[in-house]
N, C-alpha and C. Protein backbone atom coordinates (compact mmCIF):
# COMPACT_ATOMS: atom_id res chain seq x y z
N MET A 1 4.80 -22.16 3.91
CA MET A 1 3.68 -21.17 3.53
C MET A 1 3.99 -19.98 2.52
N SER A 2 3.60 -19.91 1.41
CA SER A 2 3.97 -18.92 0.48
C SER A 2 3.31 -17.36 0.63
N GLU A 3 3.87 -16.40 0.20
CA GLU A 3 3.30 -14.88 0.88
C GLU A 3 2.22 -14.73 -0.30
N PRO A 4 0.86 -14.05 0.43
CA PRO A 4 0.20 -13.72 -0.69
C PRO A 4 0.60 -12.73 -1.61
N LYS A 5 0.30 -12.68 -2.54
CA LYS A 5 0.69 -11.51 -3.76
C LYS A 5 0.00 -10.41 -3.47
N LEU A 6 0.76 -9.35 -3.69
CA LEU A 6 0.06 -7.88 -4.00
C LEU A 6 -1.03 -8.06 -5.15
N GLN A 7 -2.06 -7.36 -4.59
CA GLN A 7 -3.26 -7.74 -5.41
C GLN A 7 -3.12 -5.75 -6.44
N HIS A 8 -3.36 -5.68 -7.37
CA HIS A 8 -3.26 -4.45 -7.94
C HIS A 8 -5.22 -4.01 -8.42
N GLN A 9 -5.19 -2.77 -8.32
CA GLN A 9 -6.44 -2.45 -8.70
C GLN A 9 -7.40 -3.38 -9.93
N ASN A 10 -6.34 -3.32 -10.85
CA ASN A 10 -6.70 -3.72 -12.20
C ASN A 10 -6.73 -5.47 -12.33
N GLY A 11 -6.26 -6.03 -11.01
CA GLY A 11 -6.30 -7.51 -10.89
C GLY A 11 -5.27 -7.94 -11.05
N GLY A 12 -4.21 -7.46 -11.81
CA GLY A 12 -3.31 -7.89 -11.80
C GLY A 12 -2.21 -8.29 -10.70
N THR A 13 -1.51 -9.28 -10.72
CA THR A 13 -0.54 -9.32 -9.42
C THR A 13 0.98 -8.83 -9.89
N ASP A 14 1.28 -8.00 -10.63
CA ASP A 14 3.14 -7.95 -10.86
C ASP A 14 3.08 -6.39 -11.01
N LEU A 15 3.92 -5.95 -10.71
CA LEU A 15 4.34 -4.60 -11.17
C LEU A 15 4.16 -4.38 -12.16
N ASP A 16 4.70 -4.66 -13.53
CA ASP A 16 4.35 -4.83 -14.92
C ASP A 16 2.78 -4.86 -15.43
N SER A 17 1.97 -5.01 -14.83
CA SER A 17 0.61 -4.78 -15.25
C SER A 17 0.21 -3.53 -15.54
N PRO A 18 -0.22 -3.11 -16.90
CA PRO A 18 -0.62 -2.01 -17.62
C PRO A 18 -1.68 -1.69 -15.92
N GLY A 19 -1.65 -0.47 -15.81
CA GLY A 19 -2.50 0.29 -15.10
C GLY A 19 -2.76 0.22 -13.79
N ALA A 20 -1.33 -0.17 -12.97
CA ALA A 20 -1.02 -0.96 -11.66
C ALA A 20 -0.64 0.45 -11.30
N SER A 21 -1.40 1.36 -11.16
CA SER A 21 -0.99 2.63 -10.36
C SER A 21 -1.41 2.38 -8.78
N GLY A 22 -2.29 1.33 -8.43
CA GLY A 22 -2.38 1.15 -6.70
C GLY A 22 -2.31 -0.02 -6.50
N ASN A 23 -2.21 -0.49 -5.56
CA ASN A 23 -1.77 -1.45 -4.76
C ASN A 23 -2.63 -1.75 -3.53
N VAL A 24 -3.13 -2.78 -3.52
CA VAL A 24 -4.06 -3.31 -2.38
C VAL A 24 -3.89 -4.45 -1.49
N LEU A 25 -3.74 -4.92 -0.59
CA LEU A 25 -3.41 -6.21 0.67
C LEU A 25 -4.26 -5.78 1.52
N THR A 26 -5.28 -6.63 1.96
CA THR A 26 -5.84 -6.55 3.27
C THR A 26 -4.52 -7.03 4.00
N SER A 27 -4.94 -6.88 5.31
CA SER A 27 -4.13 -7.33 6.37
C SER A 27 -3.90 -8.96 6.59
N ASP A 28 -5.16 -9.81 6.00
CA ASP A 28 -4.69 -10.74 6.39
C ASP A 28 -4.61 -11.62 5.12
N GLY A 29 -4.09 -10.77 4.02
CA GLY A 29 -3.91 -11.63 2.72
C GLY A 29 -4.92 -11.65 1.41
N VAL A 30 -6.19 -11.43 2.01
CA VAL A 30 -7.39 -11.62 1.19
C VAL A 30 -7.61 -10.60 -0.03
N ASN A 31 -7.77 -11.34 -1.04
CA ASN A 31 -7.95 -10.39 -1.94
C ASN A 31 -8.61 -9.40 -1.97
N TRP A 32 -8.67 -8.51 -2.63
CA TRP A 32 -9.22 -7.13 -2.36
C TRP A 32 -10.43 -7.04 -3.26
N LYS A 33 -10.59 -7.69 -3.93
CA LYS A 33 -12.18 -7.49 -4.32
C LYS A 33 -13.16 -8.06 -3.74
N SER A 34 -12.89 -8.72 -2.93
CA SER A 34 -13.75 -9.11 -1.90
C SER A 34 -13.88 -8.41 -0.35
N SER A 35 -12.73 -7.49 -0.41
CA SER A 35 -12.45 -7.13 1.20
C SER A 35 -12.78 -5.58 0.92
N ILE A 36 -13.20 -4.48 0.26
CA ILE A 36 -13.21 -3.44 0.27
C ILE A 36 -14.67 -3.21 0.70
N PRO A 37 -14.47 -2.03 2.03
CA PRO A 37 -15.18 -1.93 2.68
C PRO A 37 -16.91 -0.86 1.99
N PRO A 38 -17.95 -0.68 2.05
CA PRO A 38 -18.64 0.39 1.31
C PRO A 38 -18.65 1.43 2.00
N GLY A 39 -17.96 2.28 0.96
CA GLY A 39 -17.99 3.96 1.85
C GLY A 39 -16.55 4.49 1.58
N PRO A 40 -16.14 5.70 1.71
CA PRO A 40 -14.57 6.12 1.78
C PRO A 40 -13.61 5.52 2.66
N ALA A 41 -12.75 5.68 2.16
CA ALA A 41 -11.46 5.29 3.33
C ALA A 41 -11.90 6.13 4.44
N THR A 42 -11.37 5.36 5.86
CA THR A 42 -11.51 6.26 6.99
C THR A 42 -10.57 7.05 7.05
N ASP A 43 -9.35 7.11 6.57
CA ASP A 43 -8.28 8.26 6.68
C ASP A 43 -7.27 8.19 5.62
N GLU A 44 -6.46 9.00 5.19
CA GLU A 44 -5.57 9.00 4.39
C GLU A 44 -4.20 9.22 5.08
N VAL A 45 -3.13 9.21 4.68
CA VAL A 45 -1.88 9.55 5.08
C VAL A 45 -1.00 9.72 3.79
N GLY A 46 -0.27 11.34 3.64
CA GLY A 46 0.19 11.36 2.62
C GLY A 46 1.77 11.20 2.74
N PHE A 47 2.60 10.83 1.62
CA PHE A 47 3.75 10.63 1.55
C PHE A 47 4.39 11.26 0.37
N THR A 48 5.98 11.43 0.74
CA THR A 48 6.83 11.57 -0.32
C THR A 48 7.95 10.48 -0.41
N SER A 49 8.36 9.65 -1.30
CA SER A 49 8.85 9.21 -1.62
C SER A 49 10.63 8.88 -1.08
N SER A 50 11.23 7.75 -0.94
CA SER A 50 12.43 8.21 -1.44
C SER A 50 12.73 6.77 -2.18
N GLU A 51 14.29 6.84 -2.71
CA GLU A 51 14.43 5.83 -3.88
C GLU A 51 14.63 4.35 -2.37
N GLY A 52 14.13 3.15 -2.91
CA GLY A 52 14.49 2.03 -2.27
C GLY A 52 13.23 2.13 -0.85
N ASN A 53 13.80 1.05 -0.07
CA ASN A 53 12.53 1.19 1.12
C ASN A 53 12.79 2.49 1.91
N PHE A 54 11.23 2.64 2.14
CA PHE A 54 11.13 3.79 3.13
C PHE A 54 9.90 3.76 4.27
N THR A 55 10.09 4.19 5.26
CA THR A 55 8.98 4.38 5.94
C THR A 55 8.47 5.93 6.48
N VAL A 56 6.70 5.67 6.18
CA VAL A 56 6.20 6.69 6.68
C VAL A 56 5.06 6.24 8.18
N ALA A 57 5.55 7.24 8.84
CA ALA A 57 4.96 7.31 10.14
C ALA A 57 3.21 7.83 10.45
N HIS A 58 2.28 6.78 10.44
CA HIS A 58 1.06 7.39 9.76
C HIS A 58 0.39 8.19 11.36
N GLY A 59 0.85 8.06 12.71
CA GLY A 59 -0.18 8.52 13.58
C GLY A 59 -1.38 8.31 13.46
N LEU A 60 -2.04 7.26 13.39
CA LEU A 60 -3.29 6.66 12.98
C LEU A 60 -3.83 6.07 14.72
N GLY A 61 -3.22 5.35 15.19
CA GLY A 61 -3.06 5.07 16.36
C GLY A 61 -4.06 3.68 16.71
N TYR A 62 -3.96 3.45 15.72
CA TYR A 62 -4.31 1.83 15.20
C TYR A 62 -3.85 1.34 13.93
N SER A 63 -3.91 -0.05 13.83
CA SER A 63 -3.04 -0.56 12.66
C SER A 63 -4.18 -1.00 11.70
N PRO A 64 -4.08 -0.70 10.42
CA PRO A 64 -5.47 -0.41 9.44
C PRO A 64 -5.77 -1.66 8.81
N ARG A 65 -6.73 -2.37 8.71
CA ARG A 65 -7.35 -3.25 8.31
C ARG A 65 -6.89 -3.61 6.76
N MET A 66 -6.89 -2.47 6.28
CA MET A 66 -6.75 -2.46 4.66
C MET A 66 -5.92 -1.18 4.26
N ALA A 67 -5.08 -1.03 3.18
CA ALA A 67 -4.62 0.00 2.84
C ALA A 67 -4.30 -0.01 0.99
N ILE A 68 -4.57 1.11 0.63
CA ILE A 68 -4.63 1.20 -0.72
C ILE A 68 -3.84 2.71 -1.11
N ILE A 69 -2.58 2.06 -2.04
CA ILE A 69 -1.25 3.32 -2.30
C ILE A 69 -2.22 4.06 -3.45
N SER A 70 -2.38 5.24 -3.55
CA SER A 70 -2.80 6.13 -4.16
C SER A 70 -1.47 7.00 -4.82
N MET A 71 -1.13 6.96 -5.87
CA MET A 71 -0.10 8.11 -6.68
C MET A 71 -0.92 9.28 -7.13
N THR A 72 0.30 10.60 -6.53
CA THR A 72 -0.27 11.77 -7.20
C THR A 72 0.83 12.22 -8.08
N ASP A 73 1.54 11.21 -8.41
CA ASP A 73 2.78 11.98 -9.02
C ASP A 73 3.41 10.57 -10.08
N LEU A 74 4.04 10.66 -11.59
CA LEU A 74 4.18 9.84 -12.00
C LEU A 74 5.40 8.66 -11.06
N GLY A 75 5.57 7.54 -11.45
CA GLY A 75 6.61 6.61 -10.59
C GLY A 75 5.60 5.61 -9.80
N ILE A 76 6.36 4.63 -9.43
CA ILE A 76 6.00 3.23 -8.51
C ILE A 76 6.52 3.98 -7.31
N VAL A 77 5.34 3.19 -6.21
CA VAL A 77 5.80 3.23 -4.65
C VAL A 77 4.41 1.98 -4.83
N VAL A 78 5.50 1.02 -3.67
CA VAL A 78 4.39 -0.28 -3.76
C VAL A 78 4.63 -0.34 -1.89
N PHE A 79 4.09 -1.59 -1.19
CA PHE A 79 4.40 -1.87 -0.15
C PHE A 79 5.65 -3.13 0.00
N GLN A 80 6.56 -2.94 0.68
CA GLN A 80 7.94 -3.66 0.57
C GLN A 80 7.28 -5.15 1.06
N GLY A 81 8.46 -5.77 -0.01
CA GLY A 81 8.16 -7.04 0.37
C GLY A 81 9.09 -7.57 1.51
N GLY A 82 9.48 -8.78 1.62
CA GLY A 82 10.53 -9.45 2.60
C GLY A 82 9.43 -10.31 3.63
N SER A 83 10.16 -10.89 4.14
CA SER A 83 9.64 -12.11 5.36
C SER A 83 10.19 -11.73 6.77
N PRO A 84 9.38 -11.56 7.86
CA PRO A 84 8.47 -11.80 7.42
C PRO A 84 7.13 -10.29 7.15
N LEU A 85 6.49 -10.99 6.14
CA LEU A 85 5.50 -9.94 5.54
C LEU A 85 4.86 -8.90 6.48
N LEU A 86 5.30 -7.77 6.03
CA LEU A 86 5.35 -6.08 7.37
C LEU A 86 4.44 -5.20 6.28
N ARG A 87 3.69 -4.68 5.83
CA ARG A 87 3.18 -4.05 5.02
C ARG A 87 3.01 -2.37 6.18
N TRP A 88 2.35 -2.73 7.02
CA TRP A 88 1.87 -1.70 8.10
C TRP A 88 1.68 -2.18 9.26
N ASP A 89 2.26 -1.57 10.57
CA ASP A 89 1.35 -1.73 11.76
C ASP A 89 0.80 -0.66 12.44
N GLY A 90 0.78 -0.46 13.31
CA GLY A 90 0.17 0.29 14.32
C GLY A 90 0.88 1.59 14.57
N THR A 91 1.88 1.68 13.91
CA THR A 91 2.98 3.22 13.68
C THR A 91 3.08 3.09 12.46
N ASN A 92 3.59 2.33 11.78
CA ASN A 92 4.12 2.92 9.90
C ASN A 92 3.53 2.31 9.21
N PHE A 93 3.76 2.79 7.85
CA PHE A 93 3.86 2.03 6.84
C PHE A 93 5.15 2.28 6.04
N TYR A 94 5.12 0.46 5.20
CA TYR A 94 6.63 0.13 4.87
C TYR A 94 6.41 0.41 3.57
N LEU A 95 7.32 1.21 2.84
CA LEU A 95 6.91 1.44 1.50
C LEU A 95 8.33 1.40 0.68
N ARG A 96 8.21 1.41 -0.57
CA ARG A 96 8.98 1.28 -1.37
C ARG A 96 8.76 1.97 -2.87
N GLY A 97 9.93 2.76 -2.79
CA GLY A 97 9.72 3.91 -4.13
C GLY A 97 10.87 3.28 -4.92
N SER A 98 10.06 3.85 -6.39
CA SER A 98 10.88 3.76 -7.43
C SER A 98 12.02 5.03 -7.71
N ASP A 99 11.68 5.90 -7.21
CA ASP A 99 12.62 7.03 -7.57
C ASP A 99 12.12 8.09 -6.15
N THR A 100 13.35 8.97 -6.09
CA THR A 100 13.09 10.34 -4.78
C THR A 100 12.27 11.15 -4.99
N GLY A 101 11.07 11.62 -3.68
CA GLY A 101 10.31 12.72 -4.29
C GLY A 101 9.26 12.71 -5.05
N LEU A 102 8.62 11.39 -5.04
CA LEU A 102 7.20 10.74 -5.41
C LEU A 102 6.16 11.12 -4.35
N THR A 103 5.05 11.51 -4.86
CA THR A 103 4.52 12.38 -3.87
C THR A 103 2.68 11.05 -4.07
N GLY A 104 2.31 10.65 -3.05
CA GLY A 104 1.04 10.05 -3.11
C GLY A 104 0.14 10.03 -1.76
N PHE A 105 -0.60 9.31 -1.67
CA PHE A 105 -1.37 8.86 -0.30
C PHE A 105 -1.46 7.34 -0.02
N VAL A 106 -1.42 7.14 1.09
CA VAL A 106 -1.97 5.83 1.57
C VAL A 106 -3.48 5.90 2.40
N GLU A 107 -4.67 5.34 1.02
CA GLU A 107 -5.69 5.42 1.60
C GLU A 107 -6.11 4.22 2.56
N VAL A 108 -6.62 4.37 3.78
CA VAL A 108 -6.89 3.20 4.88
C VAL A 108 -8.27 3.25 5.23
N TRP A 109 -8.48 1.96 5.78
CA TRP A 109 -9.86 1.60 6.40
C TRP A 109 -9.49 1.03 7.89
N ARG A 110 -10.31 1.53 8.64
CA ARG A 110 -10.11 1.01 9.93
C ARG A 110 -10.60 -0.49 10.28
C-alpha cells in the first residue's frame, strides 16, 4: 500500500512547487480540496521549529481530523514522513523543519 502524498495549498505534491507555503493532509489521506470544512479552523497551535524532525505537544484533547501548516517565517516546515505514516495523534504534531527557529501555526479542524 502506498503512502498518500502530501497535498500543498497550490495543488502540487512536492516541496519544490512554487508557492508551497502550507501543507494539507486529512487524517485519512483524502485530497484537501474536497475535505476542507466550511468556516474557520477550530484551533491553532503555534510552533518554533528545530532543524530536522521535531514534535509539538498540541494540548487539544483530541486528534484533529485535518491540519494545515501556516508559516509566519521564511523557511519550510512539513509533517514528518515515515512508516507508519503519522502526522499527528491525540497528543502531538510530528513536524520537520528546514532550519531552527522558524515560526508558524498548525491550523486544525476537529
